[in-house]
Amino acid sequence: MGCWTGMGRVLLIILNLVFLLVSMAILAAGIILRFFTPIIATFLGQIKVSGNTKDQFNIPDIDDISELPFVGDIGIALIVFGAVLCCISFFACCGACCKFRPLLILFVITMSTLIIAQGVVGGLFIAEDTVLHEEIKKTVGDKVKNDFQANGTDVFDFSINMLHYLLDCCGIRGWDDFNNTPKPPSCCNRTIIDGDSSWDDERQECASDPPTAPDSYYNQEGCYVVLQDKILEHLTLIAVAFAVILFIQLLEVIFACLIVKDVNNADSKVGPY
């Protein structure tokens, strides 16, 4: 066994033991998000916010929010991702430890597919205008358009109102999400909502039912665009971290190939030496 192959075997085992622990943590997080937060939601939906200075805008305190919309879907995604990562790490550890060629070949094929998939999805996410972003905006925006109620008390309504307030935005895609209904009070500019008594008239116009405030009182940008801009502010850091992860995974594939080649060479030898 060559020096590079031996070093690759050790690194492959160590890296995938770490990934195995990480995958178990991801699985645990996914299970919690998928199966336990809905129980909290049943209680949260019955909460009536009181003593809040933003009652008229239906903006709860952050402490009152224990679940965000689509958390169940995120939990399922984490469970699937954690299970796949766990299987891949298991293949690599067992294959490298025992020099078992079938597991190593399976690892190489699976990891290569994962690298390509990550590259494609990561590229679509990092770029500003892609099919991925449009699909996310459409899915969440349609849910806001169909299900959101400005004065609702369930988790989804509370979360969207809080999103409007924290990000100074309105809807997911902007005002288009409220074409057939008045703009919710939480879309009102944060300066007005948080302002002192000199803003009372403007605040009352935003919070009236129906609202009598002019368009200039409301945020115009959709929350998805605002959130996307905040993420893109750290694009360099995200891109570097993503590139490092892909590089480590590519090294794993190379080392696994070296071990497979070494096993093949050992199997092809004839005689006792």
C-alpha atoms as a PDB file:
ATOM      1  CA  MET A   1       0.000   0.000   0.000  1.00  0.00           C
ATOM      2  CA  GLY A   2       1.468   3.388  -1.050  1.00  0.00           C
ATOM      3  CA  CYS A   3       1.973   6.329   1.259  1.00  0.00           C
ATOM      4  CA  TRP A   4      -0.838   8.339  -0.351  1.00  0.00           C
ATOM      5  CA  THR A   5      -3.216   5.406  -0.150  1.00  0.00           C
ATOM      6  CA  GLY A   6      -2.455   4.818   3.537  1.00  0.00           C
ATOM      7  CA  MET A   7      -2.889   8.500   4.368  1.00  0.00           C
ATOM      8  CA  GLY A   8      -6.094   8.607   2.323  1.00  0.00           C
ATOM      9  CA  ARG A   9      -7.466   5.609   4.182  1.00  0.00           C
ATOM     10  CA  VAL A  10      -6.848   7.247   7.589  1.00  0.00           C
ATOM     11  CA  LEU A  11      -8.307  10.598   6.486  1.00  0.00           C
ATOM     12  CA  LEU A  12     -11.310   8.903   4.919  1.00  0.00           C
ATOM     13  CA  ILE A  13     -12.096   7.120   8.185  1.00  0.00           C
ATOM     14  CA  ILE A  14     -11.598  10.243  10.358  1.00  0.00           C
ATOM     15  CA  LEU A  15     -13.580  12.580   8.085  1.00  0.00           C
ATOM     16  CA  ASN A  16     -16.490  10.205   7.764  1.00  0.00           C
ATOM     17  CA  LEU A  17     -16.619   9.508  11.486  1.00  0.00           C
ATOM     18  CA  VAL A  18     -17.071  13.276  11.884  1.00  0.00           C
ATOM     19  CA  PHE A  19     -19.697  13.320   9.109  1.00  0.00           C
ATOM     20  CA  LEU A  20     -21.439  10.379  10.800  1.00  0.00           C
ATOM     21  CA  LEU A  21     -21.789  12.401  14.007  1.00  0.00           C
ATOM     22  CA  VAL A  22     -22.950  15.437  12.032  1.00  0.00           C
ATOM     23  CA  SER A  23     -25.540  13.353  10.162  1.00  0.00           C
ATOM     24  CA  MET A  24     -26.948  12.057  13.458  1.00  0.00           C
ATOM     25  CA  ALA A  25     -27.253  15.632  14.727  1.00  0.00           C
ATOM     26  CA  ILE A  26     -29.055  16.645  11.509  1.00  0.00           C
ATOM     27  CA  LEU A  27     -31.381  13.663  11.844  1.00  0.00           C
ATOM     28  CA  ALA A  28     -32.172  14.595  15.449  1.00  0.00           C
ATOM     29  CA  ALA A  29     -32.875  18.221  14.452  1.00  0.00           C
ATOM     30  CA  GLY A  30     -35.129  17.062  11.611  1.00  0.00           C
ATOM     31  CA  ILE A  31     -37.098  14.734  13.884  1.00  0.00           C
ATOM     32  CA  ILE A  32     -37.587  17.521  16.445  1.00  0.00           C
ATOM     33  CA  LEU A  33     -38.743  20.007  13.795  1.00  0.00           C
ATOM     34  CA  ARG A  34     -41.049  17.501  12.103  1.00  0.00           C
ATOM     35  CA  PHE A  35     -42.681  15.752  15.055  1.00  0.00           C
ATOM     36  CA  PHE A  36     -42.399  17.977  18.140  1.00  0.00           C
ATOM     37  CA  THR A  37     -42.885  21.634  17.163  1.00  0.00           C
ATOM     38  CA  PRO A  38     -46.437  20.999  15.844  1.00  0.00           C
ATOM     39  CA  ILE A  39     -47.384  20.222  19.462  1.00  0.00           C
ATOM     40  CA  ILE A  40     -46.071  23.638  20.480  1.00  0.00           C
ATOM     41  CA  ALA A  41     -47.985  25.174  17.580  1.00  0.00           C
ATOM     42  CA  THR A  42     -51.314  23.958  18.930  1.00  0.00           C
ATOM     43  CA  PHE A  43     -50.689  25.973  22.077  1.00  0.00           C
ATOM     44  CA  LEU A  44     -49.193  28.929  20.206  1.00  0.00           C
ATOM     45  CA  GLY A  45     -52.286  29.178  18.039  1.00  0.00           C
ATOM     46  CA  GLN A  46     -54.355  29.787  21.178  1.00  0.00           C
ATOM     47  CA  ILE A  47     -52.107  32.587  22.446  1.00  0.00           C
ATOM     48  CA  LYS A  48     -53.708  36.008  22.552  1.00  0.00           C
ATOM     49  CA  VAL A  49     -50.988  38.620  22.753  1.00  0.00           C
ATOM     50  CA  SER A  50     -51.739  41.137  25.451  1.00  0.00           C
ATOM     51  CA  GLY A  51     -49.825  44.059  26.901  1.00  0.00           C
ATOM     52  CA  ASN A  52     -47.924  44.434  23.620  1.00  0.00           C
ATOM     53  CA  THR A  53     -47.404  47.991  22.368  1.00  0.00           C
ATOM     54  CA  LYS A  54     -47.838  46.635  18.820  1.00  0.00           C
ATOM     55  CA  ASP A  55     -51.206  44.959  19.410  1.00  0.00           C
ATOM     56  CA  GLN A  56     -52.911  47.061  16.763  1.00  0.00           C
ATOM     57  CA  PHE A  57     -50.492  45.719  14.136  1.00  0.00           C
ATOM     58  CA  ASN A  58     -50.808  42.090  15.326  1.00  0.00           C
ATOM     59  CA  ILE A  59     -47.036  41.908  15.838  1.00  0.00           C
ATOM     60  CA  PRO A  60     -46.239  39.576  18.765  1.00  0.00           C
ATOM     61  CA  ASP A  61     -43.155  39.620  20.928  1.00  0.00           C
ATOM     62  CA  ILE A  62     -40.393  37.369  19.583  1.00  0.00           C
ATOM     63  CA  ASP A  63     -40.743  35.221  22.709  1.00  0.00           C
ATOM     64  CA  ASP A  64     -44.261  34.323  21.578  1.00  0.00           C
ATOM     65  CA  ILE A  65     -42.994  32.730  18.357  1.00  0.00           C
ATOM     66  CA  SER A  66     -41.743  29.176  18.828  1.00  0.00           C
ATOM     67  CA  GLU A  67     -42.307  27.929  15.276  1.00  0.00           C
ATOM     68  CA  LEU A  68     -41.954  29.364  11.775  1.00  0.00           C
ATOM     69  CA  PRO A  69     -44.071  28.403   8.764  1.00  0.00           C
ATOM     70  CA  PHE A  70     -42.889  25.409   6.710  1.00  0.00           C
ATOM     71  CA  VAL A  71     -40.876  24.092   9.676  1.00  0.00           C
ATOM     72  CA  GLY A  72     -42.423  20.639   9.176  1.00  0.00           C
ATOM     73  CA  ASP A  73     -41.212  20.617   5.567  1.00  0.00           C
ATOM     74  CA  ILE A  74     -37.748  21.722   6.668  1.00  0.00           C
ATOM     75  CA  GLY A  75     -37.771  18.892   9.226  1.00  0.00           C
ATOM     76  CA  ILE A  76     -38.536  16.319   6.505  1.00  0.00           C
ATOM     77  CA  ALA A  77     -35.730  17.719   4.338  1.00  0.00           C
ATOM     78  CA  LEU A  78     -33.273  17.476   7.258  1.00  0.00           C
ATOM     79  CA  ILE A  79     -34.353  13.895   7.998  1.00  0.00           C
ATOM     80  CA  VAL A  80     -33.789  12.862   4.369  1.00  0.00           C
ATOM     81  CA  PHE A  81     -30.459  14.715   4.134  1.00  0.00           C
ATOM     82  CA  GLY A  82     -29.264  13.346   7.485  1.00  0.00           C
ATOM     83  CA  ALA A  83     -30.198   9.774   6.512  1.00  0.00           C
ATOM     84  CA  VAL A  84     -28.393  10.045   3.156  1.00  0.00           C
ATOM     85  CA  LEU A  85     -25.294  11.557   4.784  1.00  0.00           C
ATOM     86  CA  CYS A  86     -25.340   8.838   7.460  1.00  0.00           C
ATOM     87  CA  CYS A  87     -25.442   6.079   4.817  1.00  0.00           C
ATOM     88  CA  ILE A  88     -22.652   7.678   2.774  1.00  0.00           C
ATOM     89  CA  SER A  89     -20.437   8.088   5.851  1.00  0.00           C
ATOM     90  CA  PHE A  90     -21.126   4.481   6.882  1.00  0.00           C
ATOM     91  CA  PHE A  91     -20.142   3.206   3.430  1.00  0.00           C
ATOM     92  CA  ALA A  92     -16.880   5.171   3.530  1.00  0.00           C
ATOM     93  CA  CYS A  93     -15.924   4.156   7.086  1.00  0.00           C
ATOM     94  CA  CYS A  94     -16.607   0.449   6.594  1.00  0.00           C
ATOM     95  CA  GLY A  95     -15.095   0.407   3.118  1.00  0.00           C
ATOM     96  CA  ALA A  96     -11.889   2.148   4.237  1.00  0.00           C
ATOM     97  CA  CYS A  97     -11.519   0.141   7.457  1.00  0.00           C
ATOM     98  CA  CYS A  98     -12.008  -3.252   5.829  1.00  0.00           C
ATOM     99  CA  LYS A  99     -10.796  -2.313   2.345  1.00  0.00           C
ATOM    100  CA  PHE A 100     -14.136  -3.619   1.110  1.00  0.00           C
ATOM    101  CA  ARG A 101     -14.280  -2.682  -2.553  1.00  0.00           C
ATOM    102  CA  PRO A 102     -18.092  -2.797  -3.153  1.00  0.00           C
ATOM    103  CA  LEU A 103     -18.772  -0.316  -0.340  1.00  0.00           C
ATOM    104  CA  LEU A 104     -16.001   1.980  -1.557  1.00  0.00           C
ATOM    105  CA  ILE A 105     -17.336   1.906  -5.118  1.00  0.00           C
ATOM    106  CA  LEU A 106     -20.849   2.640  -3.812  1.00  0.00           C
ATOM    107  CA  PHE A 107     -19.409   5.523  -1.785  1.00  0.00           C
ATOM    108  CA  VAL A 108     -17.610   6.958  -4.828  1.00  0.00           C
ATOM    109  CA  ILE A 109     -20.769   6.819  -6.966  1.00  0.00           C
ATOM    110  CA  THR A 110     -23.031   8.269  -4.246  1.00  0.00           C
ATOM    111  CA  MET A 111     -20.621  11.016  -3.214  1.00  0.00           C
ATOM    112  CA  SER A 112     -19.923  12.005  -6.822  1.00  0.00           C
ATOM    113  CA  THR A 113     -23.667  12.337  -7.420  1.00  0.00           C
ATOM    114  CA  LEU A 114     -24.017  14.402  -4.238  1.00  0.00           C
ATOM    115  CA  ILE A 115     -21.163  16.721  -5.261  1.00  0.00           C
ATOM    116  CA  ILE A 116     -22.799  17.378  -8.637  1.00  0.00           C
ATOM    117  CA  ALA A 117     -26.206  17.951  -7.008  1.00  0.00           C
ATOM    118  CA  GLN A 118     -24.722  20.327  -4.419  1.00  0.00           C
ATOM    119  CA  GLY A 119     -22.892  22.233  -7.129  1.00  0.00           C
ATOM    120  CA  VAL A 120     -26.057  22.689  -9.188  1.00  0.00           C
ATOM    121  CA  VAL A 121     -28.334  23.642  -6.253  1.00  0.00           C
ATOM    122  CA  GLY A 122     -25.652  25.836  -4.667  1.00  0.00           C
ATOM    123  CA  GLY A 123     -25.094  27.672  -7.943  1.00  0.00           C
ATOM    124  CA  LEU A 124     -28.831  28.211  -8.393  1.00  0.00           C
ATOM    125  CA  PHE A 125     -29.113  29.519  -4.824  1.00  0.00           C
ATOM    126  CA  ILE A 126     -26.099  31.860  -4.956  1.00  0.00           C
ATOM    127  CA  ALA A 127     -27.185  33.428  -8.262  1.00  0.00           C
ATOM    128  CA  GLU A 128     -29.829  36.124  -7.779  1.00  0.00           C
ATOM    129  CA  ASP A 129     -32.412  35.321 -10.463  1.00  0.00           C
ATOM    130  CA  THR A 130     -32.834  31.592 -10.985  1.00  0.00           C
ATOM    131  CA  VAL A 131     -35.612  29.037 -11.334  1.00  0.00           C
ATOM    132  CA  LEU A 132     -34.989  27.949  -7.725  1.00  0.00           C
ATOM    133  CA  HIS A 133     -35.645  31.418  -6.309  1.00  0.00           C
ATOM    134  CA  GLU A 134     -38.692  31.911  -8.505  1.00  0.00           C
ATOM    135  CA  GLU A 135     -40.164  28.582  -7.376  1.00  0.00           C
ATOM    136  CA  ILE A 136     -39.609  29.379  -3.685  1.00  0.00           C
ATOM    137  CA  LYS A 137     -41.163  32.826  -4.074  1.00  0.00           C
ATOM    138  CA  LYS A 138     -44.141  31.381  -5.915  1.00  0.00           C
ATOM    139  CA  THR A 139     -44.768  28.609  -3.375  1.00  0.00           C
ATOM    140  CA  VAL A 140     -44.495  30.783  -0.261  1.00  0.00           C
ATOM    141  CA  GLY A 141     -46.071  33.819  -1.928  1.00  0.00           C
ATOM    142  CA  ASP A 142     -49.124  31.811  -3.007  1.00  0.00           C
ATOM    143  CA  LYS A 143     -49.536  30.543   0.548  1.00  0.00           C
ATOM    144  CA  VAL A 144     -49.463  34.113   1.856  1.00  0.00           C
ATOM    145  CA  LYS A 145     -51.919  35.191  -0.831  1.00  0.00           C
ATOM    146  CA  ASN A 146     -54.363  32.382  -0.033  1.00  0.00           C
ATOM    147  CA  ASP A 147     -53.959  31.705   3.693  1.00  0.00           C
ATOM    148  CA  PHE A 148     -52.572  34.794   5.437  1.00  0.00           C
ATOM    149  CA  GLN A 149     -54.935  36.829   7.621  1.00  0.00           C
ATOM    150  CA  ALA A 150     -53.670  40.155   8.927  1.00  0.00           C
ATOM    151  CA  ASN A 151     -55.447  39.697  12.266  1.00  0.00           C
ATOM    152  CA  GLY A 152     -55.007  35.931  12.460  1.00  0.00           C
ATOM    153  CA  THR A 153     -53.658  34.275  15.590  1.00  0.00           C
ATOM    154  CA  ASP A 154     -52.078  31.104  14.236  1.00  0.00           C
ATOM    155  CA  VAL A 155     -48.360  30.452  13.805  1.00  0.00           C
ATOM    156  CA  PHE A 156     -48.281  31.321  10.116  1.00  0.00           C
ATOM    157  CA  ASP A 157     -50.032  34.680  10.529  1.00  0.00           C
ATOM    158  CA  PHE A 158     -47.898  35.642  13.526  1.00  0.00           C
ATOM    159  CA  SER A 159     -44.708  34.676  11.664  1.00  0.00           C
ATOM    160  CA  ILE A 160     -45.526  36.651   8.507  1.00  0.00           C
ATOM    161  CA  ASN A 161     -46.456  39.725  10.559  1.00  0.00           C
ATOM    162  CA  MET A 162     -43.180  39.407  12.462  1.00  0.00           C
ATOM    163  CA  LEU A 163     -41.284  39.025   9.173  1.00  0.00           C
ATOM    164  CA  HIS A 164     -42.877  42.227   7.836  1.00  0.00           C
ATOM    165  CA  TYR A 165     -41.820  44.088  10.962  1.00  0.00           C
ATOM    166  CA  LEU A 166     -38.272  42.741  11.357  1.00  0.00           C
ATOM    167  CA  LEU A 167     -37.254  43.034   7.680  1.00  0.00           C
ATOM    168  CA  ASP A 168     -39.211  46.175   6.761  1.00  0.00           C
ATOM    169  CA  CYS A 169     -40.941  44.354   3.918  1.00  0.00           C
ATOM    170  CA  CYS A 170     -44.423  43.467   2.707  1.00  0.00           C
ATOM    171  CA  GLY A 171     -45.530  40.041   1.501  1.00  0.00           C
ATOM    172  CA  ILE A 172     -43.130  37.537  -0.005  1.00  0.00           C
ATOM    173  CA  ARG A 173     -43.156  38.979  -3.521  1.00  0.00           C
ATOM    174  CA  GLY A 174     -44.304  42.458  -2.500  1.00  0.00           C
ATOM    175  CA  TRP A 175     -47.699  44.095  -2.751  1.00  0.00           C
ATOM    176  CA  ASP A 176     -48.767  41.559  -5.397  1.00  0.00           C
ATOM    177  CA  ASP A 177     -49.445  39.084  -2.579  1.00  0.00           C
ATOM    178  CA  PHE A 178     -52.276  41.354  -1.385  1.00  0.00           C
ATOM    179  CA  ASN A 179     -53.877  42.306  -4.700  1.00  0.00           C
ATOM    180  CA  ASN A 180     -57.362  41.318  -3.592  1.00  0.00           C
ATOM    181  CA  THR A 181     -57.118  42.425   0.035  1.00  0.00           C
ATOM    182  CA  PRO A 182     -55.940  45.565   1.895  1.00  0.00           C
ATOM    183  CA  LYS A 183     -52.279  45.669   2.849  1.00  0.00           C
ATOM    184  CA  PRO A 184     -51.863  44.287   6.387  1.00  0.00           C
ATOM    185  CA  PRO A 185     -51.013  46.828   9.122  1.00  0.00           C
ATOM    186  CA  SER A 186     -47.692  45.043   9.767  1.00  0.00           C
ATOM    187  CA  CYS A 187     -46.530  46.176   6.294  1.00  0.00           C
ATOM    188  CA  CYS A 188     -46.503  49.745   7.584  1.00  0.00           C
ATOM    189  CA  ASN A 189     -43.071  51.343   7.729  1.00  0.00           C
ATOM    190  CA  ARG A 190     -41.207  50.399  10.888  1.00  0.00           C
ATOM    191  CA  THR A 191     -40.438  54.048  11.593  1.00  0.00           C
ATOM    192  CA  ILE A 192     -44.164  54.659  11.931  1.00  0.00           C
ATOM    193  CA  ILE A 193     -44.830  51.534  14.022  1.00  0.00           C
ATOM    194  CA  ASP A 194     -41.971  52.262  16.452  1.00  0.00           C
ATOM    195  CA  GLY A 195     -42.363  56.042  16.370  1.00  0.00           C
ATOM    196  CA  ASP A 196     -43.254  58.241  19.324  1.00  0.00           C
ATOM    197  CA  SER A 197     -46.571  59.999  19.870  1.00  0.00           C
ATOM    198  CA  SER A 198     -45.917  62.327  16.921  1.00  0.00           C
ATOM    199  CA  TRP A 199     -46.612  59.341  14.649  1.00  0.00           C
ATOM    200  CA  ASP A 200     -49.983  58.504  16.244  1.00  0.00           C
ATOM    201  CA  ASP A 201     -52.056  59.741  13.302  1.00  0.00           C
ATOM    202  CA  GLU A 202     -50.038  57.772  10.746  1.00  0.00           C
ATOM    203  CA  ARG A 203     -50.094  54.711  12.981  1.00  0.00           C
ATOM    204  CA  GLN A 204     -53.856  54.927  13.304  1.00  0.00           C
ATOM    205  CA  GLU A 205     -54.287  55.202   9.530  1.00  0.00           C
ATOM    206  CA  CYS A 206     -52.185  52.053   8.992  1.00  0.00           C
ATOM    207  CA  ALA A 207     -53.978  50.088  11.706  1.00  0.00           C
ATOM    208  CA  SER A 208     -57.552  51.108  10.837  1.00  0.00           C
ATOM    209  CA  ASP A 209     -59.912  48.541   9.310  1.00  0.00           C
ATOM    210  CA  PRO A 210     -59.949  49.060   6.396  1.00  0.00           C
ATOM    211  CA  PRO A 211     -56.653  50.991   6.375  1.00  0.00           C
ATOM    212  CA  THR A 212     -56.798  54.614   5.255  1.00  0.00           C
ATOM    213  CA  ALA A 213     -53.026  55.145   4.947  1.00  0.00           C
ATOM    214  CA  PRO A 214     -51.519  56.135   1.587  1.00  0.00           C
ATOM    215  CA  ASP A 215     -49.117  53.757  -0.205  1.00  0.00           C
ATOM    216  CA  SER A 216     -46.124  55.817   0.917  1.00  0.00           C
ATOM    217  CA  TYR A 217     -46.673  54.624   4.501  1.00  0.00           C
ATOM    218  CA  TYR A 218     -46.052  50.992   3.535  1.00  0.00           C
ATOM    219  CA  ASN A 219     -42.919  49.007   2.720  1.00  0.00           C
ATOM    220  CA  GLN A 220     -42.827  48.119  -0.961  1.00  0.00           C
ATOM    221  CA  GLU A 221     -40.195  45.389  -1.252  1.00  0.00           C
ATOM    222  CA  GLY A 222     -41.093  41.728  -0.790  1.00  0.00           C
ATOM    223  CA  CYS A 223     -39.571  39.879   2.172  1.00  0.00           C
ATOM    224  CA  TYR A 224     -37.866  37.306  -0.052  1.00  0.00           C
ATOM    225  CA  VAL A 225     -35.892  39.962  -1.921  1.00  0.00           C
ATOM    226  CA  VAL A 226     -34.896  41.702   1.326  1.00  0.00           C
ATOM    227  CA  LEU A 227     -33.789  38.404   2.887  1.00  0.00           C
ATOM    228  CA  GLN A 228     -31.937  37.436  -0.295  1.00  0.00           C
ATOM    229  CA  ASP A 229     -30.079  40.780  -0.270  1.00  0.00           C
ATOM    230  CA  LYS A 230     -29.012  40.243   3.339  1.00  0.00           C
ATOM    231  CA  ILE A 231     -27.663  36.781   2.466  1.00  0.00           C
ATOM    232  CA  LEU A 232     -25.847  38.106  -0.611  1.00  0.00           C
ATOM    233  CA  GLU A 233     -24.083  40.672   1.582  1.00  0.00           C
ATOM    234  CA  HIS A 234     -22.056  37.702   2.850  1.00  0.00           C
ATOM    235  CA  LEU A 235     -21.751  36.055  -0.567  1.00  0.00           C
ATOM    236  CA  THR A 236     -17.942  35.798  -0.471  1.00  0.00           C
ATOM    237  CA  LEU A 237     -17.933  34.014   2.888  1.00  0.00           C
ATOM    238  CA  ILE A 238     -20.740  31.675   1.772  1.00  0.00           C
ATOM    239  CA  ALA A 239     -18.991  30.883  -1.520  1.00  0.00           C
ATOM    240  CA  VAL A 240     -15.662  30.137   0.212  1.00  0.00           C
ATOM    241  CA  ALA A 241     -17.318  27.864   2.802  1.00  0.00           C
ATOM    242  CA  PHE A 242     -19.254  26.070   0.058  1.00  0.00           C
ATOM    243  CA  ALA A 243     -16.082  25.612  -2.036  1.00  0.00           C
ATOM    244  CA  VAL A 244     -14.180  24.186   0.961  1.00  0.00           C
ATOM    245  CA  ILE A 245     -16.952  21.637   1.619  1.00  0.00           C
ATOM    246  CA  LEU A 246     -16.971  20.540  -2.035  1.00  0.00           C
ATOM    247  CA  PHE A 247     -13.159  20.305  -2.034  1.00  0.00           C
ATOM    248  CA  ILE A 248     -13.160  18.056   1.057  1.00  0.00           C
ATOM    249  CA  GLN A 249     -15.800  15.829  -0.531  1.00  0.00           C
ATOM    250  CA  LEU A 250     -13.795  15.653  -3.759  1.00  0.00           C
ATOM    251  CA  LEU A 251     -10.698  14.637  -1.782  1.00  0.00           C
ATOM    252  CA  GLU A 252     -12.712  11.851  -0.182  1.00  0.00           C
ATOM    253  CA  VAL A 253     -13.700  10.544  -3.614  1.00  0.00           C
ATOM    254  CA  ILE A 254     -10.048  10.659  -4.783  1.00  0.00           C
ATOM    255  CA  PHE A 255      -8.792   8.812  -1.700  1.00  0.00           C
ATOM    256  CA  ALA A 256     -11.555   6.208  -2.042  1.00  0.00           C
ATOM    257  CA  CYS A 257     -10.524   5.651  -5.668  1.00  0.00           C
ATOM    258  CA  LEU A 258      -6.889   5.198  -4.581  1.00  0.00           C
ATOM    259  CA  ILE A 259      -7.929   2.577  -2.016  1.00  0.00           C
ATOM    260  CA  VAL A 260     -10.036   0.732  -4.626  1.00  0.00           C
ATOM    261  CA  LYS A 261      -7.084   0.777  -7.020  1.00  0.00           C
ATOM    262  CA  ASP A 262      -4.777  -0.536  -4.290  1.00  0.00           C
ATOM    263  CA  VAL A 263      -7.230  -3.365  -3.480  1.00  0.00           C
ATOM    264  CA  ASN A 264      -7.450  -4.236  -7.188  1.00  0.00           C
ATOM    265  CA  ASN A 265      -3.661  -4.376  -7.462  1.00  0.00           C
ATOM    266  CA  ALA A 266      -3.433  -6.611  -4.390  1.00  0.00           C
ATOM    267  CA  ASP A 267      -6.074  -8.969  -5.796  1.00  0.00           C
ATOM    268  CA  SER A 268      -4.260  -9.209  -9.119  1.00  0.00           C
ATOM    269  CA  LYS A 269      -0.969 -10.390  -7.616  1.00  0.00           C
ATOM    270  CA  VAL A 270       0.025 -13.992  -8.232  1.00  0.00           C
ATOM    271  CA  GLY A 271       2.123 -16.067  -5.824  1.00  0.00           C
ATOM    272  CA  PRO A 272       2.885 -15.775  -2.148  1.00  0.00           C
ATOM    273  CA  TYR A 273       4.566 -12.312  -2.358  1.00  0.00           C
END
